[in-house]
Each structure stands twice: as structure tokens, then as C-alpha cells.
């Protein structure tokens, strides 16, 4: 056995130790165990590959796209079938659909990341505050949450964007406002489970303030469940953004947003089917990737469910 293999085995044994000597060792060991569970799930790795491919495409879209996503050859390249020069064909303005889909991945990633950054912390703060405080604070916050949950997400997003005005920024804001209630519900349920535990009681006896308990001790316990829910919700966020773009309330032309591309291609769906089919398949694949990855993360972060 080589020295490299011996070093790898010893490091693995250190990570999987049942009696960690430090907090860092315990955290690294738990992360390594979760990673092994995730890697063992083939469908989850397929989803991770799709998500990584989306990230790569969005970052290097200018290098990967062979043509401009905004300017086309209306005279000579209008509605061309898929061929060696235009892999996914061209649209009614002579623009290369493959290039537009590649650049559209940037808008998709922009929407997904911003919605997650805005909605998840709001839901986490509302849920943990309601669960730990209880009483009238819990009642008020949860009734507000129920009001948002009473409306279908897409309908509420359409109403908000119609009031704010069309545009990708307003679409992101509307989707974020409609996406935080489920996260608040999950965080509240997790908080109710741990707020009377011996661990929290010990922190209270040490004199920690409620704010410190919520921020330093309860929120980290809710993070894993929140990550899983956010990952699973990515597909819904993408579909909602595409729906807003389809009705003309999301990204505005000539931006290559996938929903808007489907809307512009529906006029040619019978004869030039590739104009609408290509962005539709892109939405399908990316949504499937996030769903597979979310399912894998749920199994990896839930040892009890994984062992059953």
C-alpha cells in the first residue's frame, strides 16, 4: 500500500471517528458522511451534474455561444431548421436559438439565486421567531403566512408583477414574496421541536438572550431542512419565472428568457416546432436536475429516512 493510500485511509478514519476530539472534526465528519450518501445516490448525481452544467453554461455563456443572442440575420436565416451551423435552428428574427438558450441560462440562474437569497432568510427569520416566541407573536406571524399561502403562487406573482410593472427585477421580487411562507412553516416546525430540548434549556441557564438563542442555536438546526426545501423549490421558481415571461410580465424582449422564447415560438408550433420546443426542453431538463438533486439532499441530510 502506497503512502498516499495510507494517508487517505487514516484521514477517512479520522473523519468517521465515533469520538471526535473537536467541534471541527465532528462537523467535517458529518459533512463527509452526507457526501458519501449523496454520491451513492445515482439520480442525485445526475441532478448535480445538470445543476453544475447550468452553472458552467451561465458563467461561460459568452465563450460557449457561437452567435449573438440578440441580433440575427432576418433576411437569410429566418426560421431555419436545426443544422450544423445552427444546432437548434433559428427563430422568426433569424437569431440562433442555441445561443439564446445558453445566454438564457444566465437569466434563469439570476432568478433562482436571487429568489433563494431573498425568500429563504425571510422564511427562516419568521418561522424561528414565531416558533420560539409563541403566544400572540406566533399567532400573528402564522396568520400572515396563511394569508400568503391562501393564494396560488403563480396568481399572486402575476398580480404583484402587474402592479409593479413588467421586468426581470420585479419578477424576481414577486416570486420571492410568494415563496417564503413554506420556509417559515418548516422553520417554525423545527423550532417547536427543539425549543424545549435540554440543549436549549442549558443555553438559557447560561444567560443567553432570546435573540442569541434564535440566531446562534436554533437557526443552524433549521438550515439543513431549509436547504432541501429550497433545492426542491428551484424547479417551481424556474417554472414561475417562465410563466411570467410567457405572459409578457417577466424579462422583456429581446432578452433571451426561456419562457418568453416559448411565447414567441407558439405562433410557429405546428410548422417550426423547434422554436418553442428547444427552450421548453431546457426548462424541463433544468427543473428535473434540481428535483433530483433536492431528493438526494433530502436523503443525505436525513439519516433516519436513509436507513429505512
Protein backbone atom coordinates (compact mmCIF):
# COMPACT_ATOMS: atom_id res chain seq x y z
CA UNK A 1 0.00 0.00 0.00
CA UNK A 2 1.43 3.37 -1.00
CA UNK A 3 1.90 6.26 1.38
CA UNK A 4 -0.87 8.19 -0.38
CA UNK A 5 -3.36 5.37 0.19
CA UNK A 6 -2.30 5.10 3.83
CA UNK A 7 -2.77 8.83 4.29
CA UNK A 8 -6.20 8.66 2.65
CA UNK A 9 -7.30 5.76 4.88
CA UNK A 10 -6.08 7.45 8.03
CA UNK A 11 -7.83 10.71 7.10
CA UNK A 12 -11.04 8.80 6.35
CA UNK A 13 -10.78 7.01 9.68
CA UNK A 14 -10.29 10.39 11.37
CA UNK A 15 -13.40 11.77 9.67
CA UNK A 16 -15.55 8.74 10.57
CA UNK A 17 -14.40 8.57 14.18
CA UNK A 18 -17.28 7.98 16.63
CA UNK A 19 -15.47 10.04 19.27
CA UNK A 20 -14.36 13.33 17.62
CA UNK A 21 -11.87 15.33 19.62
CA UNK A 22 -13.04 18.74 18.43
CA UNK A 23 -16.07 20.52 17.03
CA UNK A 24 -14.35 20.96 13.67
CA UNK A 25 -13.70 17.22 13.41
CA UNK A 26 -17.35 16.49 14.19
CA UNK A 27 -18.56 18.94 11.54
CA UNK A 28 -16.17 17.60 8.91
CA UNK A 29 -17.13 14.04 9.72
CA UNK A 30 -20.83 14.81 9.40
CA UNK A 31 -20.26 16.60 6.10
CA UNK A 32 -18.19 13.67 4.80
CA UNK A 33 -20.91 11.19 5.78
CA UNK A 34 -23.55 13.26 3.98
CA UNK A 35 -21.31 13.49 0.92
CA UNK A 36 -20.93 9.70 0.82
CA UNK A 37 -24.71 9.27 0.99
CA UNK A 38 -25.19 11.81 -1.78
CA UNK A 39 -22.57 10.22 -4.05
CA UNK A 40 -24.15 6.80 -3.53
CA UNK A 41 -27.43 8.14 -4.98
CA UNK A 42 -27.02 7.95 -8.76
CA UNK A 43 -30.09 10.04 -9.56
CA UNK A 44 -28.86 12.74 -7.21
CA UNK A 45 -25.53 12.80 -9.02
CA UNK A 46 -27.37 13.14 -12.33
CA UNK A 47 -29.19 16.14 -10.88
CA UNK A 48 -25.93 17.56 -9.54
CA UNK A 49 -24.36 17.18 -12.99
CA UNK A 50 -27.26 19.09 -14.59
CA UNK A 51 -27.02 21.88 -12.00
CA UNK A 52 -23.23 22.12 -12.41
CA UNK A 53 -23.70 22.21 -16.19
CA UNK A 54 -26.17 25.08 -15.74
CA UNK A 55 -23.65 26.97 -13.60
CA UNK A 56 -20.87 26.36 -16.10
CA UNK A 57 -23.05 27.43 -19.03
CA UNK A 58 -24.17 30.59 -17.25
CA UNK A 59 -20.64 31.60 -16.27
CA UNK A 60 -19.08 30.94 -19.69
CA UNK A 61 -22.09 31.78 -21.86
CA UNK A 62 -20.20 34.39 -23.90
CA UNK A 63 -17.49 31.85 -24.71
CA UNK A 64 -19.89 28.97 -25.43
CA UNK A 65 -22.48 30.78 -27.57
CA UNK A 66 -21.45 30.80 -31.25
CA UNK A 67 -23.74 33.72 -32.17
CA UNK A 68 -25.22 36.82 -30.63
CA UNK A 69 -28.38 36.13 -28.62
CA UNK A 70 -29.92 39.49 -29.55
CA UNK A 71 -29.02 40.09 -33.19
CA UNK A 72 -29.92 37.74 -36.04
CA UNK A 73 -29.94 37.56 -39.82
CA UNK A 74 -33.57 38.29 -40.58
CA UNK A 75 -33.02 38.17 -44.34
CA UNK A 76 -31.09 34.91 -44.76
CA UNK A 77 -31.52 32.92 -41.54
CA UNK A 78 -35.17 33.23 -40.57
CA UNK A 79 -36.78 30.06 -39.14
CA UNK A 80 -34.03 27.70 -40.27
CA UNK A 81 -34.33 24.07 -39.24
CA UNK A 82 -31.66 22.62 -36.91
CA UNK A 83 -28.45 22.09 -38.87
CA UNK A 84 -24.68 22.00 -38.50
CA UNK A 85 -24.41 25.81 -38.23
CA UNK A 86 -27.46 26.36 -36.04
CA UNK A 87 -27.84 23.31 -33.81
CA UNK A 88 -31.29 24.26 -32.52
CA UNK A 89 -32.35 26.22 -35.59
CA UNK A 90 -33.24 29.91 -35.70
CA UNK A 91 -36.29 31.93 -34.66
CA UNK A 92 -38.52 34.30 -36.59
CA UNK A 93 -35.92 37.09 -36.33
CA UNK A 94 -33.05 34.93 -37.59
CA UNK A 95 -31.42 34.58 -34.16
CA UNK A 96 -29.61 31.38 -33.23
CA UNK A 97 -31.78 29.52 -30.69
CA UNK A 98 -28.85 27.58 -29.22
CA UNK A 99 -27.05 30.83 -28.39
CA UNK A 100 -30.21 32.30 -26.89
CA UNK A 101 -30.74 29.25 -24.68
CA UNK A 102 -27.14 29.43 -23.45
CA UNK A 103 -27.49 33.12 -22.57
CA UNK A 104 -30.94 32.43 -21.13
CA UNK A 105 -29.27 30.19 -18.54
CA UNK A 106 -27.79 33.34 -17.02
CA UNK A 107 -31.26 34.81 -16.52
CA UNK A 108 -32.53 31.52 -15.09
CA UNK A 109 -29.64 31.33 -12.63
CA UNK A 110 -30.10 35.01 -11.78
CA UNK A 111 -33.75 34.45 -10.88
CA UNK A 112 -33.12 31.24 -8.92
CA UNK A 113 -30.24 32.61 -6.86
CA UNK A 114 -31.89 35.94 -6.04
CA UNK A 115 -35.18 34.33 -5.06
CA UNK A 116 -33.35 31.88 -2.79
CA UNK A 117 -31.29 34.68 -1.22
CA UNK A 118 -34.40 36.80 -0.54
CA UNK A 119 -37.09 34.23 0.31
CA UNK A 120 -35.16 31.68 2.39
CA UNK A 121 -33.81 34.13 5.02
CA UNK A 122 -37.23 35.79 5.35
CA UNK A 123 -38.91 32.45 5.93
CA UNK A 124 -36.19 31.35 8.35
CA UNK A 125 -36.48 34.52 10.45
CA UNK A 126 -40.29 34.48 10.51
CA UNK A 127 -40.51 30.76 11.31
CA UNK A 128 -37.89 30.65 14.06
CA UNK A 129 -39.22 33.83 15.66
CA UNK A 130 -42.78 32.51 15.67
CA UNK A 131 -41.78 29.08 16.95
CA UNK A 132 -39.55 30.34 19.76
CA UNK A 133 -41.64 33.29 20.92
CA UNK A 134 -45.02 31.56 20.80
CA UNK A 135 -48.16 33.29 22.04
CA UNK A 136 -49.53 36.25 20.13
CA UNK A 137 -46.28 36.66 18.14
CA UNK A 138 -46.66 33.15 16.78
CA UNK A 139 -50.35 33.71 16.05
CA UNK A 140 -49.79 36.98 14.16
CA UNK A 141 -46.85 35.74 12.10
CA UNK A 142 -48.55 32.48 11.18
CA UNK A 143 -51.78 34.20 10.19
CA UNK A 144 -49.78 36.45 7.86
CA UNK A 145 -48.15 33.33 6.48
CA UNK A 146 -51.57 31.72 5.99
CA UNK A 147 -52.75 34.76 4.03
CA UNK A 148 -49.88 34.34 1.55
CA UNK A 149 -50.45 30.58 1.36
CA UNK A 150 -54.14 31.11 0.60
CA UNK A 151 -53.33 32.46 -2.86
CA UNK A 152 -51.86 30.29 -5.64
CA UNK A 153 -48.22 31.25 -6.07
CA UNK A 154 -48.40 31.99 -9.79
CA UNK A 155 -51.60 34.04 -9.48
CA UNK A 156 -50.16 36.12 -6.65
CA UNK A 157 -46.91 36.61 -8.57
CA UNK A 158 -48.88 37.73 -11.63
CA UNK A 159 -50.81 40.26 -9.54
CA UNK A 160 -47.64 41.65 -7.95
CA UNK A 161 -45.79 41.96 -11.26
CA UNK A 162 -48.81 43.59 -12.85
CA UNK A 163 -48.81 46.14 -10.03
CA UNK A 164 -45.04 46.71 -10.04
CA UNK A 165 -44.63 46.64 -13.81
CA UNK A 166 -43.07 44.07 -16.16
CA UNK A 167 -39.35 43.35 -15.88
CA UNK A 168 -36.95 40.71 -14.62
CA UNK A 169 -36.23 42.56 -11.35
CA UNK A 170 -39.90 42.92 -10.49
CA UNK A 171 -40.47 39.28 -11.42
CA UNK A 172 -37.73 38.21 -9.00
CA UNK A 173 -39.24 40.35 -6.24
CA UNK A 174 -42.74 38.98 -6.86
CA UNK A 175 -41.55 35.36 -6.87
CA UNK A 176 -39.56 35.92 -3.67
CA UNK A 177 -42.55 37.49 -1.90
CA UNK A 178 -44.69 34.48 -2.79
CA UNK A 179 -42.03 31.85 -1.97
CA UNK A 180 -41.13 32.48 1.69
CA UNK A 181 -44.25 31.08 3.51
CA UNK A 182 -43.33 27.37 3.12
CA UNK A 183 -39.87 28.08 4.53
CA UNK A 184 -41.45 29.83 7.51
CA UNK A 185 -43.65 26.79 8.14
CA UNK A 186 -40.67 24.43 8.06
CA UNK A 187 -38.56 26.66 10.32
CA UNK A 188 -41.41 27.01 12.82
CA UNK A 189 -41.93 23.24 12.95
CA UNK A 190 -38.21 22.66 13.54
CA UNK A 191 -38.14 25.37 16.22
CA UNK A 192 -41.12 23.90 18.08
CA UNK A 193 -39.29 20.57 18.13
CA UNK A 194 -36.08 21.88 19.70
CA UNK A 195 -37.10 24.91 21.77
CA UNK A 196 -37.88 22.81 24.89
CA UNK A 197 -34.93 20.46 24.50
CA UNK A 198 -32.23 20.12 27.15
CA UNK A 199 -29.75 21.75 24.79
CA UNK A 200 -31.76 24.98 24.56
CA UNK A 201 -32.56 24.89 28.30
CA UNK A 202 -28.84 24.72 29.07
CA UNK A 203 -28.17 27.74 26.85
CA UNK A 204 -30.96 29.66 28.61
CA UNK A 205 -29.48 28.82 32.02
CA UNK A 206 -26.15 30.21 30.83
CA UNK A 207 -27.88 33.58 30.38
CA UNK A 208 -28.12 33.72 26.60
CA UNK A 209 -30.65 36.23 25.28
CA UNK A 210 -33.59 35.09 23.11
CA UNK A 211 -32.02 36.78 20.09
CA UNK A 212 -28.75 34.92 20.57
CA UNK A 213 -30.57 31.62 21.10
CA UNK A 214 -32.54 32.04 17.89
CA UNK A 215 -29.60 33.24 15.79
CA UNK A 216 -26.82 31.01 17.13
CA UNK A 217 -28.56 27.84 18.24
CA UNK A 218 -31.96 27.41 16.59
CA UNK A 219 -31.41 28.76 13.09
CA UNK A 220 -28.42 26.46 12.38
CA UNK A 221 -30.58 23.47 13.32
CA UNK A 222 -33.18 24.53 10.73
CA UNK A 223 -30.66 25.09 7.94
CA UNK A 224 -30.47 21.53 6.59
CA UNK A 225 -34.25 21.22 6.17
CA UNK A 226 -34.35 24.65 4.59
CA UNK A 227 -31.61 23.77 2.09
CA UNK A 228 -33.52 20.70 0.98
CA UNK A 229 -36.77 22.64 0.56
CA UNK A 230 -35.04 25.47 -1.34
CA UNK A 231 -33.42 22.98 -3.72
CA UNK A 232 -36.73 21.23 -4.34
CA UNK A 233 -38.43 24.60 -4.90
CA UNK A 234 -35.94 25.65 -7.58
CA UNK A 235 -37.96 23.86 -10.25
CA UNK A 236 -41.10 25.71 -9.19
CA UNK A 237 -39.23 29.02 -9.21
CA UNK A 238 -37.99 28.34 -12.75
CA UNK A 239 -41.49 27.44 -13.93
CA UNK A 240 -42.99 30.52 -12.28
CA UNK A 241 -40.38 32.77 -13.90
CA UNK A 242 -41.02 31.09 -17.25
CA UNK A 243 -44.76 31.57 -16.77
CA UNK A 244 -44.29 35.28 -16.10
CA UNK A 245 -42.07 35.54 -19.16
CA UNK A 246 -44.62 33.64 -21.24
CA UNK A 247 -47.37 36.17 -20.50
CA UNK A 248 -45.02 39.10 -21.05
CA UNK A 249 -44.57 40.15 -17.41
CA UNK A 250 -41.07 38.76 -16.86
CA UNK A 251 -37.91 39.51 -18.81
CA UNK A 252 -38.71 41.80 -21.70
CA UNK A 253 -37.63 41.36 -25.33
CA UNK A 254 -35.06 40.99 -26.68
CA UNK A 255 -33.66 39.28 -23.56
CA UNK A 256 -33.35 35.51 -24.16
CA UNK A 257 -35.58 34.33 -21.31
CA UNK A 258 -36.82 30.78 -21.84
CA UNK A 259 -40.48 31.47 -21.07
CA UNK A 260 -40.55 34.46 -23.40
CA UNK A 261 -38.88 32.33 -26.09
CA UNK A 262 -41.68 29.76 -25.80
CA UNK A 263 -44.26 32.55 -26.06
CA UNK A 264 -42.68 33.91 -29.24
CA UNK A 265 -42.44 30.43 -30.73
CA UNK A 266 -46.01 29.35 -30.10
CA UNK A 267 -47.08 31.01 -33.35
CA UNK A 268 -44.94 28.52 -35.27
CA UNK A 269 -45.56 25.44 -33.12
CA UNK A 270 -47.07 23.38 -35.97
CA UNK A 271 -44.55 24.07 -38.74
CA UNK A 272 -41.41 25.35 -36.98
CA UNK A 273 -41.76 23.34 -33.76
CA UNK A 274 -38.12 23.74 -32.71
CA UNK A 275 -38.58 27.45 -31.91
CA UNK A 276 -40.73 26.66 -28.87
CA UNK A 277 -39.52 23.10 -28.21
CA UNK A 278 -35.86 23.97 -27.55
CA UNK A 279 -36.45 26.36 -24.60
CA UNK A 280 -39.19 24.05 -23.32
CA UNK A 281 -36.76 21.13 -23.19
CA UNK A 282 -34.20 23.37 -21.46
CA UNK A 283 -36.75 24.22 -18.74
CA UNK A 284 -37.63 20.53 -18.39
CA UNK A 285 -34.01 19.38 -18.01
CA UNK A 286 -33.01 22.08 -15.53
CA UNK A 287 -36.16 21.57 -13.44
CA UNK A 288 -35.55 17.82 -13.42
CA UNK A 289 -31.95 18.40 -12.32
CA UNK A 290 -32.97 20.50 -9.33
CA UNK A 291 -35.65 17.99 -8.34
CA UNK A 292 -33.24 15.04 -8.48
CA UNK A 293 -30.61 16.95 -6.52
CA UNK A 294 -33.17 18.02 -3.92
CA UNK A 295 -34.37 14.44 -3.44
CA UNK A 296 -30.78 13.31 -3.00
CA UNK A 297 -30.03 16.05 -0.48
CA UNK A 298 -33.16 15.13 1.48
CA UNK A 299 -31.98 11.53 1.76
CA UNK A 300 -28.41 12.55 2.59
CA UNK A 301 -29.42 15.02 5.29
CA UNK A 302 -31.97 12.66 6.86
CA UNK A 303 -30.10 9.61 8.23
CA UNK A 304 -33.26 8.10 9.70
CA UNK A 305 -35.11 8.31 6.37
CA UNK A 306 -31.99 7.00 4.61
CA UNK A 307 -31.74 3.97 6.83
CA UNK A 308 -35.33 2.92 6.41
